[in-house]
């Protein structure tokens, strides 16, 4: 995608659209203060400028203002949390 591959860009656009739909449902149901993405895809910085618009397409009422952020420790956040549980 970053190198201009048309199919990769189409796949990424579809991913962002589906992620936006899913997060909109989370917001509609739970109304969280923020959403934190983890795992490998959280490292893809191209998601964050676009996800708010995608969420707003599928959320109820006014434009969604729930911020979406990458996990503080990137894709290692889950492992770090598991390690803390073992203590």
PDB file of N, CA and C in Angstrom:
ATOM      1  N   UNK A   1       0.830  -1.181   0.000  1.00  0.00           N
ATOM      2  CA  UNK A   1       0.000   0.000   0.000  1.00  0.00           C
ATOM      3  C   UNK A   1       0.877   1.248   0.000  1.00  0.00           C
ATOM      4  N   UNK A   2       1.876   1.238   0.837  1.00  0.00           N
ATOM      5  CA  UNK A   2       2.751   2.408   0.941  1.00  0.00           C
ATOM      6  C   UNK A   2       3.583   2.622  -0.314  1.00  0.00           C
ATOM      7  N   UNK A   3       3.709   1.572  -1.101  1.00  0.00           N
ATOM      8  CA  UNK A   3       4.496   1.661  -2.333  1.00  0.00           C
ATOM      9  C   UNK A   3       3.612   1.790  -3.567  1.00  0.00           C
ATOM     10  N   UNK A   4       2.319   2.045  -3.370  1.00  0.00           N
ATOM     11  CA  UNK A   4       1.424   2.307  -4.491  1.00  0.00           C
ATOM     12  C   UNK A   4       0.724   1.113  -5.082  1.00  0.00           C
ATOM     13  N   UNK A   5       0.763  -0.030  -4.434  1.00  0.00           N
ATOM     14  CA  UNK A   5       0.072  -1.209  -4.945  1.00  0.00           C
ATOM     15  C   UNK A   5      -1.442  -0.991  -4.841  1.00  0.00           C
ATOM     16  N   UNK A   6      -2.134  -1.031  -5.967  1.00  0.00           N
ATOM     17  CA  UNK A   6      -3.571  -0.724  -6.011  1.00  0.00           C
ATOM     18  C   UNK A   6      -4.397  -1.717  -5.195  1.00  0.00           C
ATOM     19  N   UNK A   7      -4.079  -3.018  -5.313  1.00  0.00           N
ATOM     20  CA  UNK A   7      -4.842  -4.019  -4.559  1.00  0.00           C
ATOM     21  C   UNK A   7      -4.608  -3.879  -3.061  1.00  0.00           C
ATOM     22  N   UNK A   8      -3.391  -3.571  -2.673  1.00  0.00           N
ATOM     23  CA  UNK A   8      -3.098  -3.378  -1.248  1.00  0.00           C
ATOM     24  C   UNK A   8      -3.855  -2.166  -0.716  1.00  0.00           C
ATOM     25  N   UNK A   9      -3.917  -1.104  -1.489  1.00  0.00           N
ATOM     26  CA  UNK A   9      -4.647   0.089  -1.058  1.00  0.00           C
ATOM     27  C   UNK A   9      -6.143  -0.198  -0.943  1.00  0.00           C
ATOM     28  N   UNK A  10      -6.684  -0.953  -1.887  1.00  0.00           N
ATOM     29  CA  UNK A  10      -8.098  -1.328  -1.827  1.00  0.00           C
ATOM     30  C   UNK A  10      -8.388  -2.175  -0.587  1.00  0.00           C
ATOM     31  N   UNK A  11      -7.501  -3.106  -0.288  1.00  0.00           N
ATOM     32  CA  UNK A  11      -7.656  -3.948   0.899  1.00  0.00           C
ATOM     33  C   UNK A  11      -7.578  -3.109   2.167  1.00  0.00           C
ATOM     34  N   UNK A  12      -6.644  -2.178   2.216  1.00  0.00           N
ATOM     35  CA  UNK A  12      -6.513  -1.305   3.384  1.00  0.00           C
ATOM     36  C   UNK A  12      -7.770  -0.455   3.560  1.00  0.00           C
ATOM     37  N   UNK A  13      -8.278   0.101   2.477  1.00  0.00           N
ATOM     38  CA  UNK A  13      -9.500   0.917   2.556  1.00  0.00           C
ATOM     39  C   UNK A  13     -10.669   0.093   3.080  1.00  0.00           C
ATOM     40  N   UNK A  14     -10.780  -1.150   2.625  1.00  0.00           N
ATOM     41  CA  UNK A  14     -11.841  -2.036   3.113  1.00  0.00           C
ATOM     42  C   UNK A  14     -11.651  -2.340   4.603  1.00  0.00           C
ATOM     43  N   UNK A  15     -10.407  -2.544   5.024  1.00  0.00           N
ATOM     44  CA  UNK A  15     -10.113  -2.799   6.433  1.00  0.00           C
ATOM     45  C   UNK A  15     -10.527  -1.601   7.300  1.00  0.00           C
ATOM     46  N   UNK A  16     -10.155  -0.395   6.883  1.00  0.00           N
ATOM     47  CA  UNK A  16     -10.487   0.800   7.663  1.00  0.00           C
ATOM     48  C   UNK A  16     -11.996   0.981   7.732  1.00  0.00           C
ATOM     49  N   UNK A  17     -12.689   0.716   6.639  1.00  0.00           N
ATOM     50  CA  UNK A  17     -14.150   0.821   6.641  1.00  0.00           C
ATOM     51  C   UNK A  17     -14.775  -0.168   7.622  1.00  0.00           C
ATOM     52  N   UNK A  18     -14.320  -1.399   7.602  1.00  0.00           N
ATOM     53  CA  UNK A  18     -14.880  -2.415   8.506  1.00  0.00           C
ATOM     54  C   UNK A  18     -14.507  -2.148   9.954  1.00  0.00           C
ATOM     55  N   UNK A  19     -13.294  -1.674  10.180  1.00  0.00           N
ATOM     56  CA  UNK A  19     -12.894  -1.306  11.537  1.00  0.00           C
ATOM     57  C   UNK A  19     -13.761  -0.150  12.038  1.00  0.00           C
ATOM     58  N   UNK A  20     -14.019   0.819  11.181  1.00  0.00           N
ATOM     59  CA  UNK A  20     -14.884   1.944  11.555  1.00  0.00           C
ATOM     60  C   UNK A  20     -16.285   1.494  11.920  1.00  0.00           C
ATOM     61  N   UNK A  21     -16.826   0.562  11.147  1.00  0.00           N
ATOM     62  CA  UNK A  21     -18.158   0.034  11.448  1.00  0.00           C
ATOM     63  C   UNK A  21     -18.170  -0.674  12.805  1.00  0.00           C
ATOM     64  N   UNK A  22     -17.157  -1.495  13.042  1.00  0.00           N
ATOM     65  CA  UNK A  22     -17.093  -2.242  14.302  1.00  0.00           C
ATOM     66  C   UNK A  22     -16.935  -1.301  15.494  1.00  0.00           C
ATOM     67  N   UNK A  23     -16.040  -0.323  15.372  1.00  0.00           N
ATOM     68  CA  UNK A  23     -15.831   0.606  16.486  1.00  0.00           C
ATOM     69  C   UNK A  23     -17.047   1.494  16.707  1.00  0.00           C
ATOM     70  N   UNK A  24     -17.772   1.809  15.643  1.00  0.00           N
ATOM     71  CA  UNK A  24     -19.006   2.591  15.804  1.00  0.00           C
ATOM     72  C   UNK A  24     -20.008   1.830  16.659  1.00  0.00           C
ATOM     73  N   UNK A  25     -20.088   0.525  16.477  1.00  0.00           N
ATOM     74  CA  UNK A  25     -21.009  -0.272  17.285  1.00  0.00           C
ATOM     75  C   UNK A  25     -20.573  -0.309  18.744  1.00  0.00           C
ATOM     76  N   UNK A  26     -19.275  -0.373  18.979  1.00  0.00           N
ATOM     77  CA  UNK A  26     -18.765  -0.322  20.352  1.00  0.00           C
ATOM     78  C   UNK A  26     -19.145   1.016  20.982  1.00  0.00           C
ATOM     79  N   UNK A  27     -18.968   2.095  20.239  1.00  0.00           N
ATOM     80  CA  UNK A  27     -19.305   3.427  20.747  1.00  0.00           C
ATOM     81  C   UNK A  27     -20.806   3.548  20.975  1.00  0.00           C
ATOM     82  N   UNK A  28     -21.615   3.052  20.040  1.00  0.00           N
ATOM     83  CA  UNK A  28     -23.067   3.108  20.197  1.00  0.00           C
ATOM     84  C   UNK A  28     -23.536   2.348  21.432  1.00  0.00           C
ATOM     85  N   UNK A  29     -22.887   1.237  21.720  1.00  0.00           N
ATOM     86  CA  UNK A  29     -23.311   0.382  22.822  1.00  0.00           C
ATOM     87  C   UNK A  29     -22.751   0.808  24.171  1.00  0.00           C
ATOM     88  N   UNK A  30     -21.454   1.157  24.212  1.00  0.00           N
ATOM     89  CA  UNK A  30     -20.780   1.383  25.491  1.00  0.00           C
ATOM     90  C   UNK A  30     -20.429   2.843  25.778  1.00  0.00           C
ATOM     91  N   UNK A  31     -20.357   3.685  24.758  1.00  0.00           N
ATOM     92  CA  UNK A  31     -19.982   5.096  24.892  1.00  0.00           C
ATOM     93  C   UNK A  31     -18.682   5.262  25.690  1.00  0.00           C
ATOM     94  N   UNK A  32     -17.581   4.658  25.208  1.00  0.00           N
ATOM     95  CA  UNK A  32     -16.317   4.767  25.942  1.00  0.00           C
ATOM     96  C   UNK A  32     -15.708   6.163  25.829  1.00  0.00           C
ATOM     97  N   UNK A  33     -14.832   6.504  26.762  1.00  0.00           N
ATOM     98  CA  UNK A  33     -14.135   7.790  26.716  1.00  0.00           C
ATOM     99  C   UNK A  33     -13.095   7.809  25.603  1.00  0.00           C
ATOM    100  N   UNK A  34     -12.485   6.659  25.335  1.00  0.00           N
ATOM    101  CA  UNK A  34     -11.551   6.528  24.219  1.00  0.00           C
ATOM    102  C   UNK A  34     -11.445   5.057  23.846  1.00  0.00           C
ATOM    103  N   UNK A  35     -10.856   4.806  22.694  1.00  0.00           N
ATOM    104  CA  UNK A  35     -10.619   3.442  22.233  1.00  0.00           C
ATOM    105  C   UNK A  35      -9.127   3.313  21.991  1.00  0.00           C
ATOM    106  N   UNK A  36      -8.542   2.226  22.492  1.00  0.00           N
ATOM    107  CA  UNK A  36      -7.111   1.968  22.314  1.00  0.00           C
ATOM    108  C   UNK A  36      -6.973   0.719  21.454  1.00  0.00           C
ATOM    109  N   UNK A  37      -6.281   0.857  20.335  1.00  0.00           N
ATOM    110  CA  UNK A  37      -6.037  -0.270  19.444  1.00  0.00           C
ATOM    111  C   UNK A  37      -4.714  -0.916  19.802  1.00  0.00           C
ATOM    112  N   UNK A  38      -4.690  -2.224  19.848  1.00  0.00           N
ATOM    113  CA  UNK A  38      -3.465  -2.963  20.112  1.00  0.00           C
ATOM    114  C   UNK A  38      -3.194  -3.940  18.988  1.00  0.00           C
ATOM    115  N   UNK A  39      -2.159  -4.734  19.136  1.00  0.00           N
ATOM    116  CA  UNK A  39      -1.802  -5.701  18.119  1.00  0.00           C
ATOM    117  C   UNK A  39      -1.010  -5.062  16.989  1.00  0.00           C
ATOM    118  N   UNK A  40      -0.659  -5.873  16.034  1.00  0.00           N
ATOM    119  CA  UNK A  40       0.193  -5.428  14.948  1.00  0.00           C
ATOM    120  C   UNK A  40      -0.383  -4.293  14.115  1.00  0.00           C
ATOM    121  N   UNK A  41      -1.680  -4.324  13.854  1.00  0.00           N
ATOM    122  CA  UNK A  41      -2.281  -3.273  13.035  1.00  0.00           C
ATOM    123  C   UNK A  41      -2.275  -1.913  13.735  1.00  0.00           C
ATOM    124  N   UNK A  42      -2.115  -1.890  15.048  1.00  0.00           N
ATOM    125  CA  UNK A  42      -2.060  -0.599  15.745  1.00  0.00           C
ATOM    126  C   UNK A  42      -0.821   0.192  15.350  1.00  0.00           C
ATOM    127  N   UNK A  43       0.159  -0.473  14.760  1.00  0.00           N
ATOM    128  CA  UNK A  43       1.379   0.199  14.305  1.00  0.00           C
ATOM    129  C   UNK A  43       1.213   0.877  12.949  1.00  0.00           C
ATOM    130  N   UNK A  44       0.093   0.656  12.270  1.00  0.00           N
ATOM    131  CA  UNK A  44      -0.149   1.246  10.962  1.00  0.00           C
ATOM    132  C   UNK A  44      -0.716   2.655  11.177  1.00  0.00           C
ATOM    133  N   UNK A  45       0.145   3.636  11.064  1.00  0.00           N
ATOM    134  CA  UNK A  45      -0.228   5.017  11.384  1.00  0.00           C
ATOM    135  C   UNK A  45      -1.270   5.606  10.429  1.00  0.00           C
ATOM    136  N   UNK A  46      -1.420   5.036   9.245  1.00  0.00           N
ATOM    137  CA  UNK A  46      -2.394   5.552   8.275  1.00  0.00           C
ATOM    138  C   UNK A  46      -3.835   5.338   8.730  1.00  0.00           C
ATOM    139  N   UNK A  47      -4.049   4.493   9.712  1.00  0.00           N
ATOM    140  CA  UNK A  47      -5.405   4.236  10.214  1.00  0.00           C
ATOM    141  C   UNK A  47      -5.958   5.456  10.951  1.00  0.00           C
ATOM    142  N   UNK A  48      -5.149   6.063  11.781  1.00  0.00           N
ATOM    143  CA  UNK A  48      -5.647   7.048  12.750  1.00  0.00           C
ATOM    144  C   UNK A  48      -6.222   8.332  12.141  1.00  0.00           C
ATOM    145  N   UNK A  49      -5.672   8.879  11.083  1.00  0.00           N
ATOM    146  CA  UNK A  49      -6.308  10.077  10.510  1.00  0.00           C
ATOM    147  C   UNK A  49      -7.667   9.795   9.874  1.00  0.00           C
ATOM    148  N   UNK A  50      -7.917   8.540   9.474  1.00  0.00           N
ATOM    149  CA  UNK A  50      -9.147   8.213   8.751  1.00  0.00           C
ATOM    150  C   UNK A  50     -10.233   7.579   9.594  1.00  0.00           C
ATOM    151  N   UNK A  51      -9.874   7.009  10.734  1.00  0.00           N
ATOM    152  CA  UNK A  51     -10.837   6.179  11.457  1.00  0.00           C
ATOM    153  C   UNK A  51     -11.994   6.987  12.040  1.00  0.00           C
ATOM    154  N   UNK A  52     -11.738   8.219  12.451  1.00  0.00           N
ATOM    155  CA  UNK A  52     -12.814   9.041  13.013  1.00  0.00           C
ATOM    156  C   UNK A  52     -13.945   9.285  12.025  1.00  0.00           C
ATOM    157  N   UNK A  53     -13.588   9.549  10.788  1.00  0.00           N
ATOM    158  CA  UNK A  53     -14.597   9.763   9.746  1.00  0.00           C
ATOM    159  C   UNK A  53     -15.388   8.490   9.477  1.00  0.00           C
ATOM    160  N   UNK A  54     -14.698   7.359   9.455  1.00  0.00           N
ATOM    161  CA  UNK A  54     -15.383   6.080   9.237  1.00  0.00           C
ATOM    162  C   UNK A  54     -16.331   5.758  10.387  1.00  0.00           C
ATOM    163  N   UNK A  55     -15.904   6.012  11.603  1.00  0.00           N
ATOM    164  CA  UNK A  55     -16.758   5.767  12.768  1.00  0.00           C
ATOM    165  C   UNK A  55     -18.007   6.643  12.687  1.00  0.00           C
ATOM    166  N   UNK A  56     -17.828   7.890  12.316  1.00  0.00           N
ATOM    167  CA  UNK A  56     -18.958   8.827  12.260  1.00  0.00           C
ATOM    168  C   UNK A  56     -20.015   8.400  11.248  1.00  0.00           C
ATOM    169  N   UNK A  57     -19.623   7.704  10.198  1.00  0.00           N
ATOM    170  CA  UNK A  57     -20.591   7.234   9.197  1.00  0.00           C
ATOM    171  C   UNK A  57     -21.598   6.255   9.794  1.00  0.00           C
ATOM    172  N   UNK A  58     -21.179   5.523  10.829  1.00  0.00           N
ATOM    173  CA  UNK A  58     -22.001   4.431  11.347  1.00  0.00           C
ATOM    174  C   UNK A  58     -22.436   4.610  12.798  1.00  0.00           C
ATOM    175  N   UNK A  59     -22.087   5.720  13.421  1.00  0.00           N
ATOM    176  CA  UNK A  59     -22.510   5.921  14.814  1.00  0.00           C
ATOM    177  C   UNK A  59     -23.824   6.673  14.846  1.00  0.00           C
ATOM    178  N   UNK A  60     -24.583   6.472  15.911  1.00  0.00           N
ATOM    179  CA  UNK A  60     -25.873   7.120  16.070  1.00  0.00           C
ATOM    180  C   UNK A  60     -25.698   8.593  16.417  1.00  0.00           C
ATOM    181  N   UNK A  61     -26.664   9.395  15.995  1.00  0.00           N
ATOM    182  CA  UNK A  61     -26.678  10.798  16.405  1.00  0.00           C
ATOM    183  C   UNK A  61     -25.613  11.638  15.740  1.00  0.00           C
ATOM    184  N   UNK A  62     -25.007  12.502  16.541  1.00  0.00           N
ATOM    185  CA  UNK A  62     -24.031  13.453  16.027  1.00  0.00           C
ATOM    186  C   UNK A  62     -22.719  12.773  15.669  1.00  0.00           C
ATOM    187  N   UNK A  63     -21.832  13.534  15.073  1.00  0.00           N
ATOM    188  CA  UNK A  63     -20.524  13.024  14.679  1.00  0.00           C
ATOM    189  C   UNK A  63     -19.790  12.447  15.892  1.00  0.00           C
ATOM    190  N   UNK A  64     -19.228  11.271  15.721  1.00  0.00           N
ATOM    191  CA  UNK A  64     -18.510  10.604  16.813  1.00  0.00           C
ATOM    192  C   UNK A  64     -17.256  11.398  17.171  1.00  0.00           C
ATOM    193  N   UNK A  65     -17.054  11.593  18.457  1.00  0.00           N
ATOM    194  CA  UNK A  65     -15.878  12.329  18.924  1.00  0.00           C
ATOM    195  C   UNK A  65     -14.978  11.476  19.809  1.00  0.00           C
ATOM    196  N   UNK A  66     -15.276  10.191  19.905  1.00  0.00           N
ATOM    197  CA  UNK A  66     -14.465   9.295  20.726  1.00  0.00           C
ATOM    198  C   UNK A  66     -13.086   9.143  20.084  1.00  0.00           C
ATOM    199  N   UNK A  67     -12.021   9.510  20.801  1.00  0.00           N
ATOM    200  CA  UNK A  67     -10.689   9.385  20.211  1.00  0.00           C
ATOM    201  C   UNK A  67     -10.234   7.930  20.121  1.00  0.00           C
ATOM    202  N   UNK A  68      -9.462   7.633  19.083  1.00  0.00           N
ATOM    203  CA  UNK A  68      -8.890   6.308  18.883  1.00  0.00           C
ATOM    204  C   UNK A  68      -7.372   6.478  18.897  1.00  0.00           C
ATOM    205  N   UNK A  69      -6.701   5.726  19.764  1.00  0.00           N
ATOM    206  CA  UNK A  69      -5.252   5.854  19.943  1.00  0.00           C
ATOM    207  C   UNK A  69      -4.581   4.491  19.822  1.00  0.00           C
ATOM    208  N   UNK A  70      -3.308   4.488  19.418  1.00  0.00           N
ATOM    209  CA  UNK A  70      -2.557   3.230  19.467  1.00  0.00           C
ATOM    210  C   UNK A  70      -2.173   2.916  20.910  1.00  0.00           C
ATOM    211  N   UNK A  71      -1.978   1.648  21.204  1.00  0.00           N
ATOM    212  CA  UNK A  71      -1.544   1.244  22.546  1.00  0.00           C
ATOM    213  C   UNK A  71      -0.192   1.881  22.852  1.00  0.00           C
ATOM    214  N   UNK A  72       0.000   2.265  24.092  1.00  0.00           N
ATOM    215  CA  UNK A  72       1.208   2.967  24.514  1.00  0.00           C
ATOM    216  C   UNK A  72       2.471   2.178  24.178  1.00  0.00           C
ATOM    217  N   UNK A  73       2.426   0.876  24.345  1.00  0.00           N
ATOM    218  CA  UNK A  73       3.596   0.046  24.099  1.00  0.00           C
ATOM    219  C   UNK A  73       3.475  -0.738  22.798  1.00  0.00           C
ATOM    220  N   UNK A  74       2.668  -0.245  21.872  1.00  0.00           N
ATOM    221  CA  UNK A  74       2.531  -0.860  20.563  1.00  0.00           C
ATOM    222  C   UNK A  74       1.977  -2.266  20.627  1.00  0.00           C
ATOM    223  N   UNK A  75       2.459  -3.103  19.715  1.00  0.00           N
ATOM    224  CA  UNK A  75       1.921  -4.451  19.648  1.00  0.00           C
ATOM    225  C   UNK A  75       2.417  -5.352  20.777  1.00  0.00           C
ATOM    226  N   UNK A  76       3.254  -4.823  21.655  1.00  0.00           N
ATOM    227  CA  UNK A  76       3.722  -5.586  22.818  1.00  0.00           C
ATOM    228  C   UNK A  76       2.875  -5.333  24.067  1.00  0.00           C
ATOM    229  N   UNK A  77       1.857  -4.517  23.965  1.00  0.00           N
ATOM    230  CA  UNK A  77       1.058  -4.155  25.138  1.00  0.00           C
ATOM    231  C   UNK A  77       0.377  -5.360  25.783  1.00  0.00           C
ATOM    232  N   UNK A  78      -0.129  -6.271  24.975  1.00  0.00           N
ATOM    233  CA  UNK A  78      -0.785  -7.454  25.529  1.00  0.00           C
ATOM    234  C   UNK A  78       0.175  -8.331  26.308  1.00  0.00           C
ATOM    235  N   UNK A  79       1.377  -8.490  25.792  1.00  0.00           N
ATOM    236  CA  UNK A  79       2.395  -9.293  26.470  1.00  0.00           C
ATOM    237  C   UNK A  79       2.805  -8.624  27.775  1.00  0.00           C
ATOM    238  N   UNK A  80       2.950  -7.312  27.747  1.00  0.00           N
ATOM    239  CA  UNK A  80       3.318  -6.583  28.967  1.00  0.00           C
ATOM    240  C   UNK A  80       2.229  -6.737  30.032  1.00  0.00           C
ATOM    241  N   UNK A  81       0.964  -6.646  29.601  1.00  0.00           N
ATOM    242  CA  UNK A  81      -0.130  -6.820  30.554  1.00  0.00           C
ATOM    243  C   UNK A  81      -0.156  -8.218  31.158  1.00  0.00           C
ATOM    244  N   UNK A  82       0.087  -9.218  30.321  1.00  0.00           N
ATOM    245  CA  UNK A  82       0.135 -10.592  30.816  1.00  0.00           C
ATOM    246  C   UNK A  82       1.270 -10.772  31.822  1.00  0.00           C
ATOM    247  N   UNK A  83       2.397 -10.152  31.545  1.00  0.00           N
ATOM    248  CA  UNK A  83       3.535 -10.243  32.478  1.00  0.00           C
ATOM    249  C   UNK A  83       3.197  -9.606  33.815  1.00  0.00           C
ATOM    250  N   UNK A  84       2.492  -8.502  33.786  1.00  0.00           N
ATOM    251  CA  UNK A  84       2.099  -7.845  35.050  1.00  0.00           C
ATOM    252  C   UNK A  84       1.126  -8.702  35.837  1.00  0.00           C
ATOM    253  N   UNK A  85       0.260  -9.451  35.157  1.00  0.00           N
ATOM    254  CA  UNK A  85      -0.686 -10.336  35.853  1.00  0.00           C
ATOM    255  C   UNK A  85       0.019 -11.449  36.608  1.00  0.00           C
ATOM    256  N   UNK A  86       1.162 -11.884  36.086  1.00  0.00           N
ATOM    257  CA  UNK A  86       1.909 -12.975  36.729  1.00  0.00           C
ATOM    258  C   UNK A  86       2.601 -12.534  38.006  1.00  0.00           C
ATOM    259  N   UNK A  87       2.774 -11.261  38.193  1.00  0.00           N
ATOM    260  CA  UNK A  87       3.461 -10.763  39.378  1.00  0.00           C
ATOM    261  C   UNK A  87       2.578 -10.967  40.533  1.00  0.00           C
TER     262      UNK A  87
END
